[in-house]
């Protein structure tokens, strides 16, 4: 388990502690659990944004499906 020392805006800290208190009922280690949850969610959101941007670039680039192997639907299905 790691230790991180950070400086946070007073208003953000006050609001975060209030929400963490409501969520975890001031049980032992509630701030650590709340911060871990917040960091995990932040990482997830960043990864999802990265994935979506990468996929959008691929869509903009386009796909090469090769040449058309048939002229009409009847060429595919012999009935």
Protein backbone atom coordinates (compact mmCIF):
# COMPACT_ATOMS: atom_id res chain seq x y z
CA UNK A 1 0.00 0.00 0.00
CA UNK A 2 1.36 3.41 -0.96
CA UNK A 3 1.35 6.76 0.77
CA UNK A 4 0.68 10.00 -1.11
CA UNK A 5 0.86 13.47 0.41
CA UNK A 6 -1.07 16.08 -1.56
CA UNK A 7 -2.34 19.63 -1.16
CA UNK A 8 -6.00 20.11 -2.03
CA UNK A 9 -8.12 23.23 -2.18
CA UNK A 10 -9.92 23.72 1.17
CA UNK A 11 -13.37 23.80 -0.41
CA UNK A 12 -12.75 20.60 -2.37
CA UNK A 13 -11.41 18.88 0.74
CA UNK A 14 -14.42 19.94 2.81
CA UNK A 15 -16.90 18.71 0.19
CA UNK A 16 -14.97 15.45 -0.36
CA UNK A 17 -14.86 14.68 3.36
CA UNK A 18 -18.58 15.40 3.64
CA UNK A 19 -19.46 13.00 0.81
CA UNK A 20 -16.99 10.35 2.07
CA UNK A 21 -18.50 10.66 5.58
CA UNK A 22 -22.03 10.12 4.22
CA UNK A 23 -20.91 7.19 2.07
CA UNK A 24 -18.66 5.36 4.55
CA UNK A 25 -20.11 6.64 7.90
CA UNK A 26 -16.72 7.77 9.26
CA UNK A 27 -15.58 4.20 9.78
CA UNK A 28 -11.86 3.60 10.20
CA UNK A 29 -10.03 4.21 6.91
CA UNK A 30 -13.02 5.83 5.18
CA UNK A 31 -10.95 8.61 3.60
CA UNK A 32 -8.48 6.11 2.15
CA UNK A 33 -11.29 4.02 0.69
CA UNK A 34 -13.00 7.09 -0.76
CA UNK A 35 -9.80 8.41 -2.32
CA UNK A 36 -8.94 4.98 -3.73
CA UNK A 37 -12.41 4.76 -5.27
CA UNK A 38 -12.08 8.27 -6.73
CA UNK A 39 -8.64 7.53 -8.19
CA UNK A 40 -9.81 4.21 -9.67
CA UNK A 41 -12.78 5.94 -11.32
CA UNK A 42 -10.53 8.72 -12.66
CA UNK A 43 -8.13 6.17 -14.20
CA UNK A 44 -11.06 4.26 -15.76
CA UNK A 45 -12.48 7.45 -17.30
CA UNK A 46 -9.09 8.46 -18.74
CA UNK A 47 -8.57 5.00 -20.29
CA UNK A 48 -12.05 5.00 -21.80
CA UNK A 49 -11.49 8.45 -23.30
CA UNK A 50 -8.14 7.30 -24.74
CA UNK A 51 -9.76 4.20 -26.25
CA UNK A 52 -12.61 6.18 -27.79
CA UNK A 53 -10.26 8.79 -29.29
CA UNK A 54 -8.12 6.01 -30.78
CA UNK A 55 -11.16 4.30 -32.30
CA UNK A 56 -12.50 7.59 -33.71
CA UNK A 57 -9.17 8.19 -35.43
CA UNK A 58 -9.40 4.72 -36.99
CA UNK A 59 -12.92 5.46 -38.22
CA UNK A 60 -11.80 8.76 -39.74
CA UNK A 61 -8.93 6.99 -41.48
CA UNK A 62 -11.35 4.49 -43.01
CA UNK A 63 -11.15 0.80 -43.75
CA UNK A 64 -10.07 -1.06 -46.86
CA UNK A 65 -12.31 -4.08 -47.34
CA UNK A 66 -10.68 -5.08 -50.60
CA UNK A 67 -12.38 -5.43 -53.95
CA UNK A 68 -15.98 -6.37 -54.52
CA UNK A 69 -16.26 -10.08 -55.34
CA UNK A 70 -19.83 -10.04 -56.65
CA UNK A 71 -22.06 -7.77 -58.71
CA UNK A 72 -25.50 -8.59 -57.38
CA UNK A 73 -27.16 -10.51 -54.58
CA UNK A 74 -28.06 -13.29 -56.98
CA UNK A 75 -24.35 -13.96 -57.50
CA UNK A 76 -24.10 -14.94 -53.83
CA UNK A 77 -27.17 -17.13 -53.61
CA UNK A 78 -28.00 -19.69 -56.27
CA UNK A 79 -31.66 -20.63 -56.06
